[in-house]
Structure formats: C-alpha cells, structure tokens
Protein backbone atom coordinates (compact mmCIF):
# COMPACT_ATOMS: atom_id res chain seq x y z
CA MET A 1 0.00 0.00 0.00
CA ASP A 2 1.53 3.35 -1.04
CA SER A 3 1.70 6.39 1.23
CA GLU A 4 -1.21 8.18 -0.45
CA THR A 5 -3.53 5.22 -0.02
CA GLN A 6 -2.36 4.79 3.56
CA ASP A 7 -3.25 8.42 4.28
CA LEU A 8 -6.76 7.89 2.89
CA VAL A 9 -7.30 4.78 4.99
CA GLU A 10 -6.01 6.35 8.20
CA LYS A 11 -7.83 9.63 7.75
CA THR A 12 -10.61 9.97 10.30
CA PRO A 13 -14.21 10.58 9.25
CA ALA A 14 -14.21 13.85 11.16
CA ALA A 15 -11.17 15.11 9.31
CA THR A 16 -12.60 14.14 5.97
CA LYS A 17 -15.91 15.82 6.79
CA ALA A 18 -14.04 18.96 7.77
CA GLU A 19 -12.38 19.04 4.36
CA GLY A 20 -15.80 18.82 2.71
CA LEU A 21 -17.12 21.69 4.81
CA LYS A 22 -14.13 23.83 3.94
CA CYS A 23 -14.79 23.23 0.28
CA GLY A 24 -18.41 24.25 0.76
CA ASP A 25 -17.49 27.34 2.80
CA GLY A 26 -15.27 28.54 -0.01
CA GLY A 27 -18.22 28.67 -2.43
CA ALA A 28 -20.29 31.63 -3.43
CA GLY A 29 -23.02 31.11 -0.84
CA ALA A 30 -25.77 28.87 0.40
CA LEU A 31 -26.67 27.59 -3.07
CA SER A 32 -23.08 26.62 -3.69
CA ARG A 33 -22.91 24.78 -0.39
CA MET A 34 -26.09 22.87 -1.24
CA VAL A 35 -24.27 21.46 -4.26
CA VAL A 36 -20.78 21.11 -2.81
CA GLU A 37 -21.56 19.57 0.58
CA PRO A 38 -23.42 16.49 -0.74
CA ALA A 39 -20.67 15.93 -3.29
CA GLU A 40 -18.01 16.18 -0.60
CA TRP A 41 -20.02 13.85 1.61
CA ILE A 42 -20.18 11.22 -1.12
CA ARG A 43 -16.48 11.73 -1.77
CA MET A 44 -15.76 11.21 1.93
CA LEU A 45 -17.76 7.97 1.95
CA CYS A 46 -15.88 6.75 -1.10
CA ARG A 47 -12.57 7.45 0.61
CA GLU A 48 -13.50 5.97 3.95
CA LEU A 49 -15.54 3.00 2.77
CA ASN A 50 -14.32 2.37 -0.80
CA GLY A 51 -16.03 3.74 -3.89
CA SER A 52 -17.09 0.24 -4.93
CA PHE A 53 -19.21 -0.03 -1.80
CA VAL A 54 -20.97 3.24 -2.58
CA PHE A 55 -21.63 2.11 -6.14
CA GLY A 56 -23.05 -1.19 -4.90
CA VAL A 57 -25.43 0.62 -2.58
CA VAL A 58 -26.69 2.74 -5.48
CA VAL A 59 -27.33 -0.31 -7.66
CA VAL A 60 -29.08 -2.46 -5.06
CA TYR A 61 -30.76 0.10 -2.84
CA GLY A 62 -31.40 2.75 -5.48
CA LEU A 63 -32.40 0.70 -8.52
CA SER A 64 -33.42 -2.75 -7.32
CA GLN A 65 -35.12 -1.75 -4.08
CA GLY A 66 -35.96 1.93 -4.49
CA PHE A 67 -37.14 2.10 -8.09
CA ALA A 68 -38.32 -1.48 -8.63
CA SER A 69 -40.18 -1.84 -5.33
CA SER A 70 -42.01 1.48 -5.67
CA PHE A 71 -42.94 0.84 -9.30
CA PHE A 72 -44.06 -2.66 -8.34
CA ARG A 73 -46.19 -1.36 -5.48
CA VAL A 74 -48.42 0.80 -7.66
CA VAL A 75 -48.55 -1.45 -10.71
CA SER A 76 -49.32 -4.61 -8.73
CA ASP A 77 -52.16 -2.81 -6.94
CA TYR A 78 -53.78 -2.05 -10.29
CA TYR A 79 -53.01 -5.58 -11.50
CA TRP A 80 -54.97 -7.13 -8.65
CA LYS A 81 -57.76 -4.56 -8.89
CA ASP A 82 -58.27 -4.33 -12.65
CA VAL A 83 -56.87 -7.58 -14.08
CA GLN A 84 -57.52 -10.17 -11.38
CA ARG A 85 -60.43 -8.24 -9.83
CA VAL A 86 -60.04 -9.51 -6.26
CA GLN A 87 -61.27 -7.99 -2.99
CA PRO A 88 -59.06 -5.53 -1.03
CA SER A 89 -58.89 -7.85 1.98
CA ALA A 90 -57.49 -10.63 -0.24
CA VAL A 91 -54.96 -8.26 -1.83
CA GLN A 92 -53.87 -7.10 1.63
CA PHE A 93 -53.16 -10.74 2.48
CA PHE A 94 -51.34 -11.33 -0.83
CA ILE A 95 -49.10 -8.32 -0.17
CA GLY A 96 -48.12 -9.89 3.13
CA LEU A 97 -46.89 -12.94 1.21
CA TYR A 98 -44.52 -10.68 -0.75
CA TYR A 99 -42.48 -10.53 2.45
CA LEU A 100 -41.86 -14.30 2.60
CA PRO A 101 -38.57 -13.95 0.63
CA TRP A 102 -37.48 -11.24 3.08
CA ILE A 103 -38.29 -13.48 6.03
CA MET A 104 -35.98 -16.05 4.44
CA LYS A 105 -33.05 -13.62 4.35
CA PRO A 106 -31.06 -15.63 6.93
CA VAL A 107 -31.27 -18.57 4.51
CA TRP A 108 -29.97 -16.44 1.65
CA GLY A 109 -27.28 -15.09 3.97
CA LEU A 110 -26.13 -18.57 4.95
CA LEU A 111 -26.11 -19.69 1.33
CA THR A 112 -23.95 -16.78 0.22
CA ASP A 113 -21.64 -17.21 3.23
CA VAL A 114 -21.12 -20.97 3.29
CA VAL A 115 -22.33 -22.44 -0.04
CA PRO A 116 -20.00 -21.11 -2.74
CA VAL A 117 -20.48 -21.79 -6.44
CA ARG A 118 -17.27 -22.56 -8.34
CA GLY A 119 -15.25 -20.86 -5.63
CA TYR A 120 -17.35 -17.68 -5.51
CA ARG A 121 -19.62 -16.67 -2.63
CA ARG A 122 -21.30 -13.55 -3.94
CA ARG A 123 -21.29 -13.20 -7.71
CA PRO A 124 -23.42 -16.26 -8.56
CA TYR A 125 -26.16 -15.14 -6.18
CA PHE A 126 -26.46 -11.73 -7.82
CA ILE A 127 -26.84 -13.48 -11.17
CA ALA A 128 -29.35 -15.98 -9.74
CA ALA A 129 -31.40 -13.13 -8.22
CA GLY A 130 -31.56 -11.36 -11.57
CA VAL A 131 -32.48 -14.50 -13.51
CA LEU A 132 -35.25 -15.27 -11.03
CA GLY A 133 -36.63 -11.74 -11.35
CA VAL A 134 -36.54 -11.78 -15.17
CA ALA A 135 -38.23 -15.21 -15.40
CA ALA A 136 -41.02 -14.33 -12.96
CA THR A 137 -41.64 -11.00 -14.70
CA PHE A 138 -41.82 -12.65 -18.12
CA VAL A 139 -44.50 -15.12 -17.00
CA VAL A 140 -46.79 -12.62 -15.25
CA ALA A 141 -46.51 -10.03 -18.02
CA THR A 142 -46.91 -12.41 -20.96
CA PHE A 143 -49.68 -14.86 -20.10
CA GLU A 144 -53.24 -13.55 -20.04
CA ARG A 145 -55.85 -14.99 -17.68
CA LEU A 146 -53.15 -16.24 -15.36
CA ALA A 147 -54.59 -18.06 -12.34
CA VAL A 148 -54.49 -16.09 -9.09
CA ALA A 149 -52.17 -18.63 -7.44
CA ALA A 150 -49.76 -18.58 -10.39
CA ALA A 151 -49.78 -14.77 -10.52
CA LEU A 152 -49.09 -14.57 -6.80
CA LEU A 153 -46.21 -17.03 -7.15
CA CYS A 154 -44.65 -14.90 -9.89
CA LEU A 155 -44.99 -11.67 -7.92
CA VAL A 156 -43.42 -13.33 -4.87
CA GLY A 157 -40.62 -14.57 -7.15
CA MET A 158 -39.95 -11.01 -8.32
CA MET A 159 -39.58 -9.91 -4.70
CA ALA A 160 -37.34 -12.92 -3.97
CA GLY A 161 -34.85 -11.67 -6.55
CA VAL A 162 -34.68 -8.30 -4.82
CA ALA A 163 -34.29 -9.93 -1.39
CA ILE A 164 -31.43 -12.21 -2.45
CA ALA A 165 -29.52 -9.32 -4.01
CA ASP A 166 -30.05 -7.28 -0.86
CA VAL A 167 -28.27 -9.79 1.40
CA THR A 168 -24.75 -9.12 0.10
CA ILE A 169 -25.00 -5.36 0.44
CA ASP A 170 -26.44 -5.75 3.93
CA ALA A 171 -23.40 -7.81 4.89
CA CYS A 172 -21.08 -5.08 3.61
CA ILE A 173 -23.00 -2.43 5.55
CA ALA A 174 -22.91 -4.46 8.76
CA ARG A 175 -19.17 -5.08 8.52
CA ASN A 176 -18.39 -1.46 7.73
CA SER A 177 -20.56 -0.39 10.69
CA ILE A 178 -18.45 -2.57 12.97
CA GLU A 179 -15.14 -1.34 11.60
CA ARG A 180 -16.24 2.30 11.28
CA PRO A 181 -18.96 2.85 13.91
CA GLY A 182 -18.74 6.61 13.45
CA LEU A 183 -20.02 6.19 9.89
CA ALA A 184 -22.89 3.82 10.68
CA ALA A 185 -25.46 6.62 10.54
CA ASP A 186 -23.90 8.01 7.34
CA MET A 187 -24.19 4.64 5.65
CA GLN A 188 -27.86 4.37 6.57
CA SER A 189 -28.36 7.93 5.35
CA LEU A 190 -26.82 6.96 2.01
CA CYS A 191 -29.02 3.87 1.77
CA GLY A 192 -32.11 5.84 2.70
CA PHE A 193 -31.37 8.66 0.27
CA VAL A 194 -30.67 6.55 -2.83
CA SER A 195 -33.63 4.31 -1.97
CA SER A 196 -35.92 7.33 -1.73
CA ALA A 197 -34.49 8.78 -4.95
CA GLY A 198 -35.18 5.51 -6.76
CA ALA A 199 -38.67 5.41 -5.26
CA LEU A 200 -39.29 8.94 -6.54
CA VAL A 201 -38.59 7.83 -10.10
CA GLY A 202 -40.56 4.61 -9.70
CA PHE A 203 -43.65 6.27 -8.26
CA SER A 204 -43.49 9.14 -10.78
CA THR A 205 -43.54 6.81 -13.77
CA SER A 206 -45.76 3.99 -12.46
CA GLY A 207 -49.15 5.64 -13.02
CA VAL A 208 -48.15 6.86 -16.47
CA PHE A 209 -47.09 3.39 -17.61
CA VAL A 210 -50.22 1.80 -16.15
CA HIS A 211 -52.27 4.28 -18.20
CA LEU A 212 -50.26 3.67 -21.39
CA LEU A 213 -49.56 -0.08 -21.18
CA GLY A 214 -52.11 -1.38 -18.71
CA ALA A 215 -51.20 -3.01 -15.42
CA GLN A 216 -49.98 -6.26 -16.98
CA GLY A 217 -47.86 -4.52 -19.59
CA ALA A 218 -46.35 -2.18 -17.01
CA LEU A 219 -45.32 -5.18 -14.90
CA GLY A 220 -43.14 -6.27 -17.82
CA LEU A 221 -40.88 -3.27 -17.21
CA MET A 222 -39.82 -4.89 -13.94
CA ALA A 223 -37.47 -7.04 -16.02
CA LEU A 224 -35.13 -4.06 -16.42
CA PRO A 225 -33.97 -3.78 -12.77
CA ALA A 226 -33.64 -7.58 -12.64
CA THR A 227 -31.41 -7.47 -15.72
CA LEU A 228 -29.22 -4.91 -13.99
CA LEU A 229 -28.70 -7.40 -11.15
CA ILE A 230 -27.44 -9.95 -13.68
CA ILE A 231 -25.02 -7.39 -15.09
CA LEU A 232 -23.94 -6.47 -11.57
CA GLY A 233 -23.12 -10.14 -10.93
CA PHE A 234 -20.78 -10.15 -13.90
CA VAL A 235 -18.92 -6.97 -12.93
CA ILE A 236 -18.50 -7.83 -9.26
CA TYR A 237 -14.88 -8.50 -8.37
CA GLU A 238 -14.26 -11.35 -5.97
CA HIS A 239 -11.29 -13.59 -5.27
CA LYS A 240 -11.84 -17.13 -6.47
CA ASN A 241 -10.86 -19.63 -3.81
CA ALA A 242 -10.74 -23.34 -4.60
CA HIS A 243 -10.85 -24.16 -0.87
CA LEU A 244 -14.42 -22.89 -0.68
CA SER A 245 -15.67 -25.91 -2.60
CA ALA A 246 -14.96 -28.40 0.20
CA LYS A 247 -18.36 -29.77 1.26
CA PRO A 248 -17.38 -30.72 4.85
CA LYS A 249 -16.28 -27.14 5.47
CA VAL A 250 -19.60 -25.86 4.16
CA TRP A 251 -21.49 -27.89 6.73
CA GLU A 252 -19.05 -26.96 9.50
CA THR A 253 -19.16 -23.23 8.82
CA GLY A 254 -22.94 -23.35 8.51
CA LYS A 255 -23.18 -24.91 11.97
CA GLU A 256 -20.80 -22.29 13.39
CA ALA A 257 -22.78 -19.43 11.88
CA ILE A 258 -26.09 -20.76 13.22
CA GLY A 259 -24.53 -21.34 16.63
CA GLY A 260 -23.13 -17.81 16.64
CA MET A 261 -26.54 -16.34 15.86
CA ALA A 262 -28.15 -18.42 18.61
CA ARG A 263 -25.60 -17.24 21.18
CA THR A 264 -25.90 -13.61 20.16
CA ILE A 265 -29.69 -13.40 20.20
CA GLN A 266 -29.74 -14.63 23.83
CA PHE A 267 -28.13 -11.43 25.13
CA PRO A 268 -30.72 -8.95 26.49
CA THR A 269 -28.99 -6.10 24.67
CA VAL A 270 -29.85 -7.91 21.43
CA TRP A 271 -33.21 -9.63 21.90
CA LYS A 272 -34.93 -6.69 23.61
CA PRO A 273 -34.50 -4.16 20.76
CA SER A 274 -35.16 -6.95 18.24
CA LEU A 275 -38.45 -7.68 19.99
CA TYR A 276 -39.37 -4.00 19.95
CA MET A 277 -38.67 -3.70 16.23
CA PHE A 278 -40.88 -6.72 15.53
CA LEU A 279 -43.75 -5.53 17.73
CA SER A 280 -43.62 -1.93 16.50
CA LEU A 281 -44.04 -3.18 12.92
CA ALA A 282 -46.58 -5.89 13.72
CA LEU A 283 -48.83 -3.58 15.74
CA SER A 284 -48.80 -0.94 13.02
CA ILE A 285 -51.56 -2.70 11.10
CA SER A 286 -51.44 -2.04 7.37
CA THR A 287 -54.62 -0.76 5.75
CA HIS A 288 -53.05 0.27 2.46
CA GLU A 289 -55.28 -1.77 0.15
CA GLY A 290 -58.51 -0.57 1.74
CA GLN A 291 -57.33 3.02 1.30
CA PHE A 292 -56.12 2.39 -2.26
CA TYR A 293 -59.51 0.98 -3.34
CA TRP A 294 -61.20 3.94 -1.66
CA TYR A 295 -58.85 6.44 -3.36
CA THR A 296 -59.83 5.14 -6.80
CA ASP A 297 -63.57 4.59 -6.16
CA ARG A 298 -65.84 6.95 -8.11
CA ARG A 299 -68.77 6.86 -5.68
CA ALA A 300 -67.41 6.68 -2.13
CA GLY A 301 -63.90 8.08 -2.62
CA PRO A 302 -62.15 10.94 -4.40
CA ALA A 303 -61.67 8.87 -7.61
CA PHE A 304 -58.00 9.70 -8.13
CA SER A 305 -56.63 8.88 -11.57
CA GLN A 306 -53.82 6.40 -12.21
CA GLU A 307 -51.34 9.18 -12.93
CA PHE A 308 -52.28 11.09 -9.78
CA VAL A 309 -51.95 8.00 -7.57
CA GLY A 310 -48.39 7.54 -8.82
CA MET A 311 -47.75 11.25 -8.30
CA ILE A 312 -48.96 11.05 -4.69
CA TYR A 313 -46.42 8.36 -3.94
CA ALA A 314 -43.71 10.24 -5.87
CA ILE A 315 -44.26 13.32 -3.72
CA GLY A 316 -44.11 11.02 -0.70
CA ALA A 317 -40.76 9.68 -1.88
CA THR A 318 -39.45 13.26 -2.06
CA ALA A 319 -40.70 13.83 1.48
CA SER A 320 -38.93 10.61 2.47
CA MET A 321 -35.64 12.11 1.25
CA VAL A 322 -36.37 15.17 3.36
CA GLY A 323 -36.80 12.85 6.34
CA VAL A 324 -33.40 11.29 5.62
CA LEU A 325 -31.79 14.75 5.46
CA ILE A 326 -33.43 15.81 8.74
CA TYR A 327 -32.14 12.68 10.44
CA HIS A 328 -28.67 13.03 8.95
CA LYS A 329 -28.27 16.71 9.76
CA LEU A 330 -30.01 17.02 13.11
CA LEU A 331 -30.88 13.72 14.76
CA LYS A 332 -28.32 11.02 14.02
CA HIS A 333 -26.37 11.62 17.26
CA LEU A 334 -29.39 11.43 19.59
CA PRO A 335 -29.84 8.39 21.89
CA PHE A 336 -31.84 5.58 20.33
CA ARG A 337 -34.63 5.46 22.92
CA ARG A 338 -35.38 9.18 22.94
CA LEU A 339 -35.47 9.51 19.16
CA ILE A 340 -37.55 6.39 18.56
CA PHE A 341 -40.02 7.38 21.30
CA PHE A 342 -40.85 10.75 19.77
CA ALA A 343 -40.84 9.33 16.23
CA GLN A 344 -43.32 6.61 17.25
CA LEU A 345 -45.52 9.17 19.00
CA LEU A 346 -45.62 11.33 15.87
CA TYR A 347 -46.26 8.22 13.79
CA GLY A 348 -49.40 7.42 15.76
CA VAL A 349 -50.68 11.00 15.77
CA SER A 350 -50.04 11.53 12.05
CA GLY A 351 -52.17 8.48 11.28
CA MET A 352 -55.19 10.54 12.30
CA LEU A 353 -54.82 12.41 8.99
CA ASP A 354 -55.87 9.22 7.18
CA LEU A 355 -58.89 8.98 9.45
CA ALA A 356 -59.85 12.60 8.79
CA PHE A 357 -59.53 12.06 5.05
CA VAL A 358 -61.76 8.96 4.97
CA LEU A 359 -64.36 10.78 7.09
CA ARG A 360 -64.11 13.69 4.60
CA TRP A 361 -63.36 16.25 7.30
CA ASN A 362 -61.03 17.96 4.86
CA LEU A 363 -64.05 19.09 2.83
CA LYS A 364 -65.59 20.66 5.91
CA LEU A 365 -62.33 22.60 6.29
CA ARG A 366 -62.53 23.49 2.58
CA LEU A 367 -59.32 21.62 1.77
CA PRO A 368 -59.44 19.91 -1.67
CA ASP A 369 -58.86 16.17 -1.76
CA ALA A 370 -55.69 16.49 -3.84
CA ALA A 371 -54.09 19.01 -1.48
CA PHE A 372 -55.03 17.07 1.64
CA VAL A 373 -53.76 13.71 0.42
CA VAL A 374 -50.45 15.27 -0.60
CA LEU A 375 -50.14 16.85 2.85
CA GLU A 376 -50.95 13.54 4.53
CA GLU A 377 -48.47 11.61 2.37
CA CYS A 378 -45.63 14.08 3.04
CA VAL A 379 -46.14 14.12 6.80
CA SER A 380 -46.43 10.33 6.92
CA ARG A 381 -43.29 9.73 4.85
CA VAL A 382 -41.09 12.16 6.79
CA ILE A 383 -42.14 10.67 10.13
CA SER A 384 -41.76 7.11 8.84
CA ARG A 385 -38.16 7.84 7.86
CA LEU A 386 -37.39 9.44 11.21
CA ARG A 387 -38.82 6.32 12.87
CA TRP A 388 -37.09 3.81 10.62
CA MET A 389 -33.57 5.26 10.29
CA PRO A 390 -32.51 4.90 13.96
CA MET A 391 -33.85 1.34 14.03
CA MET A 392 -31.70 0.46 11.02
CA VAL A 393 -28.62 2.02 12.62
CA LEU A 394 -29.41 0.12 15.81
CA SER A 395 -29.64 -3.12 13.83
CA THR A 396 -26.17 -2.66 12.37
CA ARG A 397 -24.77 -2.00 15.86
CA LEU A 398 -26.17 -5.32 17.13
CA CYS A 399 -24.22 -7.51 14.70
CA PRO A 400 -21.25 -9.50 16.07
CA ARG A 401 -17.98 -9.67 14.19
CA GLY A 402 -17.53 -12.60 11.83
CA ILE A 403 -21.23 -13.33 11.21
CA GLU A 404 -22.36 -9.76 10.73
CA GLY A 405 -23.87 -10.46 7.31
CA THR A 406 -25.90 -13.46 8.41
CA PHE A 407 -26.95 -11.87 11.69
CA PHE A 408 -28.02 -8.64 10.00
CA ALA A 409 -30.09 -10.80 7.65
CA LEU A 410 -31.66 -12.39 10.75
CA LEU A 411 -32.60 -8.97 12.12
CA MET A 412 -34.08 -7.95 8.78
CA CYS A 413 -35.97 -11.26 8.77
CA ILE A 414 -37.48 -10.31 12.14
CA ASP A 415 -38.50 -6.94 10.69
CA SER A 416 -40.02 -8.61 7.62
CA LEU A 417 -41.91 -11.02 9.86
CA GLY A 418 -43.34 -7.99 11.69
CA THR A 419 -44.38 -6.47 8.37
CA LEU A 420 -45.96 -9.75 7.27
CA THR A 421 -47.93 -9.82 10.54
CA SER A 422 -49.00 -6.22 9.92
CA LYS A 423 -50.20 -6.96 6.38
CA THR A 424 -52.01 -10.14 7.40
CA ALA A 425 -53.71 -8.49 10.37
CA GLY A 426 -54.78 -5.63 8.12
CA GLY A 427 -56.35 -8.04 5.67
CA LEU A 428 -58.22 -9.80 8.47
CA LEU A 429 -59.49 -6.49 9.86
CA LEU A 430 -60.68 -5.33 6.44
CA HIS A 431 -62.53 -8.63 6.05
CA PHE A 432 -63.93 -8.52 9.59
CA PHE A 433 -65.29 -4.99 9.12
CA SER A 434 -66.65 -5.94 5.66
CA VAL A 435 -64.56 -3.45 3.69
CA THR A 436 -64.96 -4.57 0.05
CA ARG A 437 -64.39 -3.21 -3.46
CA THR A 438 -67.52 -1.07 -3.14
CA ASP A 439 -68.35 -0.85 0.58
CA PHE A 440 -66.14 1.47 2.65
CA ARG A 441 -68.54 2.44 5.42
CA ARG A 442 -66.41 0.85 8.18
CA LEU A 443 -63.00 1.74 6.82
CA TRP A 444 -62.70 4.55 9.35
CA LEU A 445 -63.00 2.04 12.20
CA VAL A 446 -60.08 0.06 10.84
CA LEU A 447 -57.97 3.23 10.64
CA LEU A 448 -58.91 4.27 14.16
CA LEU A 449 -57.88 0.89 15.58
CA ARG A 450 -54.62 1.04 13.64
CA ASN A 451 -53.77 4.47 15.07
CA LEU A 452 -54.54 3.40 18.64
CA LEU A 453 -52.22 0.41 18.31
CA ARG A 454 -49.45 2.65 17.00
CA ILE A 455 -49.73 4.86 20.07
CA ALA A 456 -49.95 1.81 22.37
CA THR A 457 -46.54 0.71 21.06
CA LEU A 458 -44.99 3.52 23.14
CA GLY A 459 -45.48 1.29 26.17
CA LEU A 460 -42.75 -0.99 24.81
CA ILE A 461 -40.10 1.70 24.42
CA PHE A 462 -38.20 0.39 27.47
CA LEU A 463 -36.95 -2.45 25.22
CA VAL A 464 -34.87 0.03 23.20
CA PRO A 465 -31.43 0.86 24.63
CA SER A 466 -30.84 4.44 25.71
CA ALA A 467 -27.30 4.38 24.32
CA ASP A 468 -25.91 6.74 21.69
CA PRO A 469 -25.27 5.42 18.15
CA ASN A 470 -21.50 5.40 18.75
CA ASP A 471 -21.70 3.42 22.01
CA ALA A 472 -20.75 -0.26 22.10
CA LEU A 473 -23.92 -2.30 22.57
CA LEU A 474 -22.57 -5.86 22.44
CA PRO A 475 -20.49 -7.65 25.08
CA PRO A 476 -16.75 -7.62 24.27
CA GLU A 477 -16.64 -11.39 23.72
CA LEU A 478 -18.98 -11.06 20.74
CA MET A 479 -16.69 -8.58 19.05
CA LEU A 480 -13.52 -10.67 19.25
CA PRO A 481 -12.32 -11.96 15.89
CA SER A 482 -11.56 -15.34 17.46
CA ASP A 483 -15.23 -15.93 18.04
CA ALA A 484 -16.09 -15.50 14.38
CA PRO A 485 -16.50 -18.59 12.23
CA ARG A 486 -13.70 -19.03 9.72
CA HIS A 487 -14.95 -19.53 6.21
CA ASN A 488 -11.53 -20.16 4.75
CA SER A 489 -7.84 -19.95 5.50
CA GLY A 490 -7.19 -17.06 3.24
CA GLY A 491 -7.97 -14.33 5.75
CA ALA A 492 -10.09 -11.24 5.44
CA GLU A 493 -8.76 -10.41 2.02
CA GLU A 494 -10.50 -13.42 0.50
CA GLU A 495 -13.75 -12.46 2.21
CA ALA A 496 -13.77 -8.95 0.78
CA LEU A 497 -16.35 -8.20 -1.86
CA GLN A 498 -15.56 -5.32 -4.13
CA LEU A 499 -16.69 -4.10 -7.49
CA ALA A 500 -14.13 -4.26 -10.26
CA GLU A 501 -12.41 -0.95 -10.89
CA LEU A 502 -13.45 0.27 -14.31
CA THR A 503 -10.21 2.17 -14.82
CA ASP A 504 -7.70 -0.49 -13.84
CA ASP A 505 -8.44 -4.14 -13.25
CA THR A 506 -5.12 -5.58 -14.42
CA ASP A 507 -3.42 -5.62 -11.02
CA THR A 508 -6.12 -7.56 -9.22
CA GLY A 509 -5.74 -11.18 -8.38
CA GLY A 510 -9.26 -12.25 -9.26
CA GLU A 511 -11.04 -13.47 -12.34
CA LYS A 512 -13.99 -12.13 -14.24
CA VAL A 513 -17.02 -14.35 -14.75
C-alpha cells in the first residue's frame, strides 16, 4: 500500500468531513454549499468505505429496491384490482406474502456465506437473483388470464430476486458499521437517500405506464432492474478460492454461523430491541389496500386517476428524502430510545390524517382532496423515515464480528416477519369490518384501531437501549475476531467483496465471470 492510499485509509471521518465543509465554505453562498456539501459527503464515503461499496449501494438500494419496489407497489395494486379483480382484503393478504422472501433472508445469507459456487460466494447469487426476477416478470406479463395462485407465485418470485440481491449489500454495511462505527449513521443515510431517490422515479412513472400499457404490460418493465442485477453479478470483483468448494467445510461453517446467531440473540442487549422492532411493525396494522380501493372509487372516494396515484407516492418519496436529510443533519447523534419514542408518537398521531380524510373532514375545512392527500403523504413519509432510520442504525450495531452479514439478515428477517404480521392483520381487519371493493362504510373504524395500536406501542419503548449510536452495545466477547466462524484460511482479504475498478483491473488477483 503506497503512502497516499495509507493516508486515505487512516484519515478519520471527522477530518474528511471537515475538508468537505471547507470546500463548501469557499463557495459563493448557500446555493453553492447545497451542491458542494453532498458531493463532498459522497467523496468522503468513497474514501472511507471504498467507492465500490458506494456504487453497490446505489445499484441495489437505489435501482433494485428503491425504483423497482415502488414501481411494483403501484402497478401490482392495479393488476390485482383491474386484471384479477379480487377484494381488497385478499390483496392485503397477498401483499403480506410478498415478504416471505425477506423473512428467508437468513437462509440467503447462509447460502452466500457458506455455499459457494465454483469458488465464488457472492457473484453467482447476484446473477441468480436477476435471472429469477426476469423469469417471474416474463411469465406474469406475458400470459393472459393467469390463475391467481400462479400470478401470486410470480410476484413473490420477483420480490425474492430483490431480497437475495439485498443480502450481500447488507453484509457489507454491517461489517463497515463494525469497523467504522462513526459512519454507521452516514451509511444508513446513504441507503435511505438513494432508496428514496429511486422510489421517486418509480412512483413518478408507475401511473403513467399503467395508463399507457395497462397493469400487466407495465409489470413487464420490472425485467429491467432484474437485468441490472445480472449485469452487476458479472462486474463484481471477488477472489476465487478453490478451498471454498470443500463440502465438509460448508457444513461446519454453517453450523458455526447458526450457533453464533443463537448465542448472540440470547443477550438482552440484542433480543430486547429486536423484539421492539418486531412488535412496532406488527402492531402498526397495514390498511393500504382498503385506502387504495377507496382512493380510486368513483362513488365513495375521491376517484384519483392512475397518474395522480403515482404522483402522490412520488411526492411522498421526495418527502422521504427530506426525512433522511433531517435525520442526517439534526438527529443522528441522539440516543436511540429518545429519538424512537418521539418518532413513534408522531407516527401514531399523524395516522389521524388518514382517518380525517376517509371521514371527509377535509371538505368541511374546505381543503381539496388532492391538497389534503399530498399533505398527509408528506407528513407520513417524513415521520416514517425518522422512525425507521434509527432502528436500522441500531440493527447494524447489534451484529457480532464474523457473522455480521448473516446476523443482519436475521434482524431484517425479524423486521419482515413484523411487516408480514402487519399486512395479514390488516387483511383480516378489512374482512372482519366488511370493507370490500364497493363498501367502505367501516374503513374509518379500521384506521382508528390502527392508530390506537401505533400509540400503544410507546409502552414498549423500554426495550430500546438508551445508548448513543456510537456506544458499544454488544459484550466484548462477541466482538472478538476469534469468536467469528472461519470460512476459509485465506484471511479477510479473500472475504472482501468489491466491485471491479473500471479504470484499472489488471493488477487484481481475481477473475472475471
């Protein structure tokens, strides 16, 4: 390593941030700083964490998760409503099944950690995720009159491709959070920002493409992000190690990883916040499908057009980016418990805007439907980000060294299980209160119950640690390298996953697929 590279590695995050601020202060004014400071921040992350890591976050979080998931959300709603013509309670249940691949993230994490393919741990799984997404998209977009079960299987398969690709990046984030705890919040800010930016594009274009191509035709465009995952698998740089093909070692390392997760989750500092994250998601019952059907109903609701529905969510994605900026600039150093408490309180109170909208109180206040729904979406998205960001930072700080990728996948599995519970409970409530495609008389009762449960979650806040984001949360024995399972004898260098440098890949020791 030359002296210049050594200086970049040893430079502290604070020093690098100071350089960025100096560059901004030397500009012409506030407008110049608005342009310079984000660029310097990205440059700092590239120096501290490697530019390949930043690029990987943009591809997976920005394109695969941000754009594809948001586009999928709107288009699939119209697919179930207009093509399959099923009831909102059934769609609410189907949406919960989308989270099954996310619940299986520990399985994907174990596969990528201990089941290599031709000596590679990561690259084949990116390719497999993309192929799965392309195949599922082709079936659902090509065949007319597809059975409901077959359509649901294809849509779940599309989400499985996104989930598998997400595991590798999550592992990189968890490891970098351990090695650079001072940048844990910055990494989550980066993930949140590019995800929201991708969602902005996805939501903005979804309604337009549904109008032009129909819901089934618009679903076909989901093949593009999946294709990018295939390409990403071919440009990923990874050392090929013949020792990774030994089957006895695969079984042994798998057992060690599972044992490490079991030991870690038993510590109160780990299981208590994990339980809170699950319960806070599960108790926040999802009523999205009931509201969506009401939004687009011509008799009971405001009858929003396809383009305007997409625009509502696009504006919400912009508000989500504002939430990320507020957290990054003002709140990222606050203790976990204090920040999550106030964010959860605001989350419950802001839900009353949905209730007021369904009861049409906005008309009594002479607020047009379009203006009120945009206001509600912006407030909801900002608060949701402020609630979610500290929980993601907390999750990265709970991962032990050596199995950080697999354990982070376990924590995200717990979160996805909470979301699945939320979606399923919402579907049951919509069915219980007889909310159908045309009958929305009791929808307000479902929303009221949802909001009360959100506020009741505040009684569980004692499960969240009161520590600061930079404090050590795990016992020292969990952070010792000797406790980590050894995947191979090649050391950390063979475990590193990096993207191939586009400018110079001749001095690397790896191979291209």
